[in-house]
Every structure is written in C-alpha cells, then in structure tokens.
Amino acid sequence: MHSKHARQGGETDERLFGVAAWRESPHFTSAERAALDLAESGTRLADNPHGVPDEVFERAREEFDEATLTALVMLIAAINAWNRISVINRTVPGSHTPR
C-alpha cells in the first residue's frame, strides 16, 4: 500500500527497494535513517525487553523537533495498528489500490 502511494508521490524504485536494506543503502539521509530506526525499534518490541533503545530515541530526538518527533511516533503507532488489523482480518498484502 505505502509503496504504491510513494510511487504516486514521485518516490524512486531505487529508494523503495532500498528500504529493506536501509542501514546499508546510501539513499537515505540521517533524518530518514533515524526515522527508520525508530520505526523498526517501535515495531519489533518483542526483540528488546526494554523497548526502544535509548540511543535510537535520542538519535531521533537529535534529528527532529518535538512536534515532528511526536507526529512520527503517532504515525509509527498508527501504521502498526493498521498492520495488525490487516493481519487479523486476513487482508491480502498488496491488494490495496490507491486512488
């Protein structure tokens, strides 16, 4: 779903394919890397018994002002919620057609 919307918004295939290897990819800014790290850490909570590591949150705090960081955290939480709803409802991945 999001890759389809990103393409409509002008995002390149190179960057979209690079998300899977964002740590190794040269196509992301330091702010984007901080956002991706926060999103990954906030999504994979079961991997860390202490939640999001302090260094991940601090890196995001260095990159974003308070309002932007708050919006980012809310977006990460909302996307995680929608992903779980889709899994529970057995939504077929990739079935969304953007308008």
N, C-alpha and C. Protein backbone atom coordinates (compact mmCIF):
# COMPACT_ATOMS: atom_id res chain seq x y z
N MET A 1 0.82 -1.19 0.00
CA MET A 1 0.00 0.00 0.00
C MET A 1 0.87 1.26 0.00
N HIS A 2 1.80 1.32 0.93
CA HIS A 2 2.58 2.55 1.06
C HIS A 2 3.53 2.75 -0.11
N SER A 3 4.06 1.66 -0.65
CA SER A 3 4.95 1.81 -1.80
C SER A 3 4.18 2.33 -3.02
N LYS A 4 2.93 1.91 -3.16
CA LYS A 4 2.12 2.41 -4.27
C LYS A 4 1.87 3.90 -4.13
N HIS A 5 1.56 4.33 -2.92
CA HIS A 5 1.35 5.77 -2.67
C HIS A 5 2.66 6.54 -2.85
N ALA A 6 3.75 5.96 -2.40
CA ALA A 6 5.05 6.63 -2.53
C ALA A 6 5.40 6.82 -4.01
N ARG A 7 5.16 5.81 -4.82
CA ARG A 7 5.41 5.94 -6.26
C ARG A 7 4.56 7.06 -6.86
N GLN A 8 3.30 7.11 -6.45
CA GLN A 8 2.43 8.18 -6.95
C GLN A 8 2.98 9.55 -6.55
N GLY A 9 3.64 9.61 -5.41
CA GLY A 9 4.22 10.86 -4.92
C GLY A 9 5.60 11.16 -5.50
N GLY A 10 6.08 10.29 -6.40
CA GLY A 10 7.35 10.54 -7.07
C GLY A 10 8.55 9.82 -6.49
N GLU A 11 8.34 8.94 -5.52
CA GLU A 11 9.46 8.22 -4.92
C GLU A 11 10.04 7.25 -5.96
N THR A 12 11.37 7.07 -5.91
CA THR A 12 12.04 6.22 -6.89
C THR A 12 12.03 4.75 -6.45
N ASP A 13 12.08 3.87 -7.44
CA ASP A 13 12.18 2.44 -7.15
C ASP A 13 13.45 2.14 -6.36
N GLU A 14 14.52 2.83 -6.69
CA GLU A 14 15.79 2.60 -6.01
C GLU A 14 15.66 2.79 -4.50
N ARG A 15 15.01 3.87 -4.10
CA ARG A 15 14.83 4.12 -2.67
C ARG A 15 13.81 3.16 -2.06
N LEU A 16 12.73 2.87 -2.79
CA LEU A 16 11.73 1.94 -2.25
C LEU A 16 12.33 0.56 -2.03
N PHE A 17 13.09 0.07 -2.99
CA PHE A 17 13.72 -1.24 -2.84
C PHE A 17 14.79 -1.21 -1.75
N GLY A 18 15.41 -0.04 -1.55
CA GLY A 18 16.46 0.11 -0.56
C GLY A 18 15.97 0.11 0.87
N VAL A 19 14.68 0.29 1.10
CA VAL A 19 14.16 0.33 2.47
C VAL A 19 14.47 -0.97 3.20
N ALA A 20 14.43 -2.09 2.50
CA ALA A 20 14.70 -3.38 3.13
C ALA A 20 16.14 -3.46 3.65
N ALA A 21 17.03 -2.67 3.07
CA ALA A 21 18.43 -2.66 3.49
C ALA A 21 18.84 -1.22 3.82
N TRP A 22 17.98 -0.52 4.55
CA TRP A 22 18.21 0.91 4.79
C TRP A 22 19.52 1.21 5.50
N ARG A 23 19.99 0.29 6.34
CA ARG A 23 21.25 0.53 7.05
C ARG A 23 22.44 0.54 6.08
N GLU A 24 22.36 -0.27 5.04
CA GLU A 24 23.45 -0.39 4.09
C GLU A 24 23.28 0.53 2.88
N SER A 25 22.08 0.98 2.62
CA SER A 25 21.79 1.77 1.43
C SER A 25 22.30 3.20 1.57
N PRO A 26 22.89 3.73 0.49
CA PRO A 26 23.38 5.12 0.53
C PRO A 26 22.29 6.15 0.22
N HIS A 27 21.06 5.70 0.03
CA HIS A 27 19.99 6.56 -0.49
C HIS A 27 19.14 7.24 0.57
N PHE A 28 19.57 7.22 1.83
CA PHE A 28 18.74 7.80 2.89
C PHE A 28 19.54 8.83 3.68
N THR A 29 18.88 9.91 4.05
CA THR A 29 19.51 10.95 4.87
C THR A 29 19.63 10.48 6.31
N SER A 30 20.36 11.22 7.11
CA SER A 30 20.49 10.86 8.53
C SER A 30 19.13 10.95 9.22
N ALA A 31 18.30 11.92 8.85
CA ALA A 31 16.96 12.02 9.44
C ALA A 31 16.10 10.83 9.04
N GLU A 32 16.18 10.43 7.78
CA GLU A 32 15.41 9.26 7.33
C GLU A 32 15.88 7.99 8.04
N ARG A 33 17.18 7.86 8.23
CA ARG A 33 17.72 6.70 8.94
C ARG A 33 17.24 6.68 10.40
N ALA A 34 17.21 7.84 11.02
CA ALA A 34 16.72 7.93 12.40
C ALA A 34 15.25 7.53 12.46
N ALA A 35 14.46 7.99 11.50
CA ALA A 35 13.03 7.64 11.46
C ALA A 35 12.84 6.15 11.21
N LEU A 36 13.61 5.59 10.29
CA LEU A 36 13.51 4.16 10.01
C LEU A 36 13.92 3.33 11.22
N ASP A 37 14.97 3.74 11.90
CA ASP A 37 15.43 3.02 13.09
C ASP A 37 14.38 3.07 14.20
N LEU A 38 13.79 4.25 14.39
CA LEU A 38 12.74 4.39 15.40
C LEU A 38 11.53 3.53 15.03
N ALA A 39 11.14 3.55 13.76
CA ALA A 39 10.00 2.75 13.31
C ALA A 39 10.27 1.26 13.51
N GLU A 40 11.46 0.82 13.14
CA GLU A 40 11.80 -0.60 13.30
C GLU A 40 11.84 -0.99 14.78
N SER A 41 12.46 -0.17 15.59
CA SER A 41 12.54 -0.47 17.03
C SER A 41 11.17 -0.43 17.69
N GLY A 42 10.33 0.51 17.27
CA GLY A 42 8.98 0.61 17.82
C GLY A 42 8.04 -0.47 17.35
N THR A 43 8.40 -1.10 16.23
CA THR A 43 7.58 -2.19 15.69
C THR A 43 8.00 -3.54 16.27
N ARG A 44 9.29 -3.73 16.44
CA ARG A 44 9.83 -5.02 16.89
C ARG A 44 10.10 -5.01 18.40
N LEU A 45 9.12 -4.62 19.17
CA LEU A 45 9.28 -4.50 20.62
C LEU A 45 9.63 -5.83 21.28
N ALA A 46 9.17 -6.92 20.73
CA ALA A 46 9.46 -8.23 21.32
C ALA A 46 10.94 -8.57 21.24
N ASP A 47 11.69 -7.90 20.35
CA ASP A 47 13.12 -8.16 20.21
C ASP A 47 13.95 -7.53 21.32
N ASN A 48 13.36 -6.60 22.05
CA ASN A 48 14.11 -5.89 23.08
C ASN A 48 13.23 -5.76 24.33
N PRO A 49 13.57 -6.45 25.41
CA PRO A 49 12.72 -6.42 26.60
C PRO A 49 12.60 -5.04 27.24
N HIS A 50 13.48 -4.10 26.84
CA HIS A 50 13.44 -2.75 27.40
C HIS A 50 12.76 -1.75 26.47
N GLY A 51 12.18 -2.24 25.40
CA GLY A 51 11.51 -1.35 24.45
C GLY A 51 12.48 -0.72 23.48
N VAL A 52 12.18 0.49 23.05
CA VAL A 52 13.04 1.20 22.10
C VAL A 52 14.32 1.61 22.82
N PRO A 53 15.48 1.23 22.28
CA PRO A 53 16.74 1.60 22.94
C PRO A 53 16.90 3.12 23.05
N ASP A 54 17.49 3.56 24.15
CA ASP A 54 17.69 4.99 24.39
C ASP A 54 18.43 5.65 23.23
N GLU A 55 19.46 4.98 22.71
CA GLU A 55 20.25 5.60 21.63
C GLU A 55 19.42 5.80 20.36
N VAL A 56 18.46 4.92 20.12
CA VAL A 56 17.58 5.06 18.94
C VAL A 56 16.68 6.28 19.13
N PHE A 57 16.09 6.40 20.31
CA PHE A 57 15.21 7.54 20.58
C PHE A 57 16.00 8.85 20.58
N GLU A 58 17.19 8.84 21.16
CA GLU A 58 18.00 10.06 21.21
C GLU A 58 18.43 10.51 19.82
N ARG A 59 18.75 9.56 18.96
CA ARG A 59 19.12 9.90 17.58
C ARG A 59 17.94 10.56 16.88
N ALA A 60 16.74 10.04 17.10
CA ALA A 60 15.54 10.65 16.50
C ALA A 60 15.31 12.04 17.09
N ARG A 61 15.51 12.17 18.38
CA ARG A 61 15.33 13.47 19.04
C ARG A 61 16.31 14.52 18.49
N GLU A 62 17.53 14.07 18.12
CA GLU A 62 18.52 14.98 17.55
C GLU A 62 18.12 15.44 16.14
N GLU A 63 17.42 14.58 15.43
CA GLU A 63 17.06 14.89 14.04
C GLU A 63 15.77 15.69 13.90
N PHE A 64 14.85 15.55 14.86
CA PHE A 64 13.52 16.14 14.71
C PHE A 64 13.17 17.04 15.89
N ASP A 65 12.43 18.09 15.60
CA ASP A 65 11.92 18.92 16.70
C ASP A 65 10.81 18.15 17.40
N GLU A 66 10.36 18.67 18.52
CA GLU A 66 9.39 17.94 19.35
C GLU A 66 8.09 17.63 18.61
N ALA A 67 7.57 18.59 17.87
CA ALA A 67 6.31 18.37 17.15
C ALA A 67 6.47 17.31 16.07
N THR A 68 7.58 17.34 15.35
CA THR A 68 7.81 16.35 14.29
C THR A 68 8.04 14.97 14.88
N LEU A 69 8.79 14.90 15.97
CA LEU A 69 9.03 13.61 16.62
C LEU A 69 7.71 13.02 17.15
N THR A 70 6.89 13.86 17.73
CA THR A 70 5.58 13.40 18.22
C THR A 70 4.74 12.87 17.06
N ALA A 71 4.72 13.59 15.96
CA ALA A 71 3.96 13.14 14.78
C ALA A 71 4.52 11.82 14.25
N LEU A 72 5.84 11.68 14.24
CA LEU A 72 6.47 10.44 13.78
C LEU A 72 6.08 9.27 14.67
N VAL A 73 6.13 9.47 15.98
CA VAL A 73 5.74 8.39 16.91
C VAL A 73 4.28 8.01 16.69
N MET A 74 3.42 8.99 16.50
CA MET A 74 2.00 8.69 16.26
C MET A 74 1.80 7.95 14.94
N LEU A 75 2.55 8.32 13.91
CA LEU A 75 2.45 7.61 12.63
C LEU A 75 2.93 6.17 12.75
N ILE A 76 4.03 5.96 13.46
CA ILE A 76 4.54 4.60 13.67
C ILE A 76 3.49 3.77 14.40
N ALA A 77 2.89 4.32 15.44
CA ALA A 77 1.86 3.59 16.20
C ALA A 77 0.64 3.31 15.33
N ALA A 78 0.21 4.29 14.54
CA ALA A 78 -0.98 4.10 13.68
C ALA A 78 -0.73 3.04 12.62
N ILE A 79 0.43 3.08 11.98
CA ILE A 79 0.74 2.09 10.95
C ILE A 79 0.82 0.70 11.56
N ASN A 80 1.43 0.60 12.75
CA ASN A 80 1.48 -0.69 13.43
C ASN A 80 0.07 -1.20 13.74
N ALA A 81 -0.80 -0.32 14.18
CA ALA A 81 -2.18 -0.72 14.48
C ALA A 81 -2.88 -1.21 13.21
N TRP A 82 -2.76 -0.46 12.11
CA TRP A 82 -3.41 -0.87 10.86
C TRP A 82 -2.83 -2.18 10.34
N ASN A 83 -1.52 -2.38 10.49
CA ASN A 83 -0.93 -3.65 10.07
C ASN A 83 -1.50 -4.81 10.86
N ARG A 84 -1.68 -4.63 12.15
CA ARG A 84 -2.24 -5.70 12.98
C ARG A 84 -3.71 -5.96 12.63
N ILE A 85 -4.45 -4.89 12.39
CA ILE A 85 -5.85 -5.06 11.96
C ILE A 85 -5.90 -5.84 10.65
N SER A 86 -5.02 -5.52 9.72
CA SER A 86 -4.99 -6.22 8.44
C SER A 86 -4.64 -7.69 8.61
N VAL A 87 -3.69 -7.98 9.50
CA VAL A 87 -3.32 -9.38 9.74
C VAL A 87 -4.50 -10.14 10.35
N ILE A 88 -5.14 -9.54 11.34
CA ILE A 88 -6.28 -10.20 11.99
C ILE A 88 -7.40 -10.46 10.98
N ASN A 89 -7.64 -9.50 10.09
CA ASN A 89 -8.71 -9.64 9.09
C ASN A 89 -8.28 -10.40 7.85
N ARG A 90 -7.04 -10.87 7.84
CA ARG A 90 -6.50 -11.65 6.73
C ARG A 90 -6.53 -10.90 5.40
N THR A 91 -6.22 -9.61 5.47
CA THR A 91 -6.14 -8.79 4.27
C THR A 91 -4.96 -9.28 3.43
N VAL A 92 -5.18 -9.42 2.15
CA VAL A 92 -4.12 -9.89 1.25
C VAL A 92 -3.13 -8.73 1.02
N PRO A 93 -1.85 -8.93 1.37
CA PRO A 93 -0.87 -7.87 1.14
C PRO A 93 -0.81 -7.47 -0.34
N GLY A 94 -0.76 -6.17 -0.57
CA GLY A 94 -0.68 -5.68 -1.94
C GLY A 94 -2.01 -5.52 -2.64
N SER A 95 -3.11 -5.84 -1.93
CA SER A 95 -4.43 -5.79 -2.58
C SER A 95 -5.00 -4.37 -2.63
N HIS A 96 -4.42 -3.44 -1.90
CA HIS A 96 -4.92 -2.06 -1.89
C HIS A 96 -4.62 -1.38 -3.22
N THR A 97 -5.58 -0.70 -3.77
CA THR A 97 -5.39 0.07 -4.99
C THR A 97 -5.54 1.55 -4.64
N PRO A 98 -4.44 2.31 -4.79
CA PRO A 98 -4.55 3.74 -4.46
C PRO A 98 -5.43 4.47 -5.45
N ARG A 99 -6.04 5.54 -4.97
CA ARG A 99 -6.93 6.33 -5.83
C ARG A 99 -6.17 7.44 -6.47
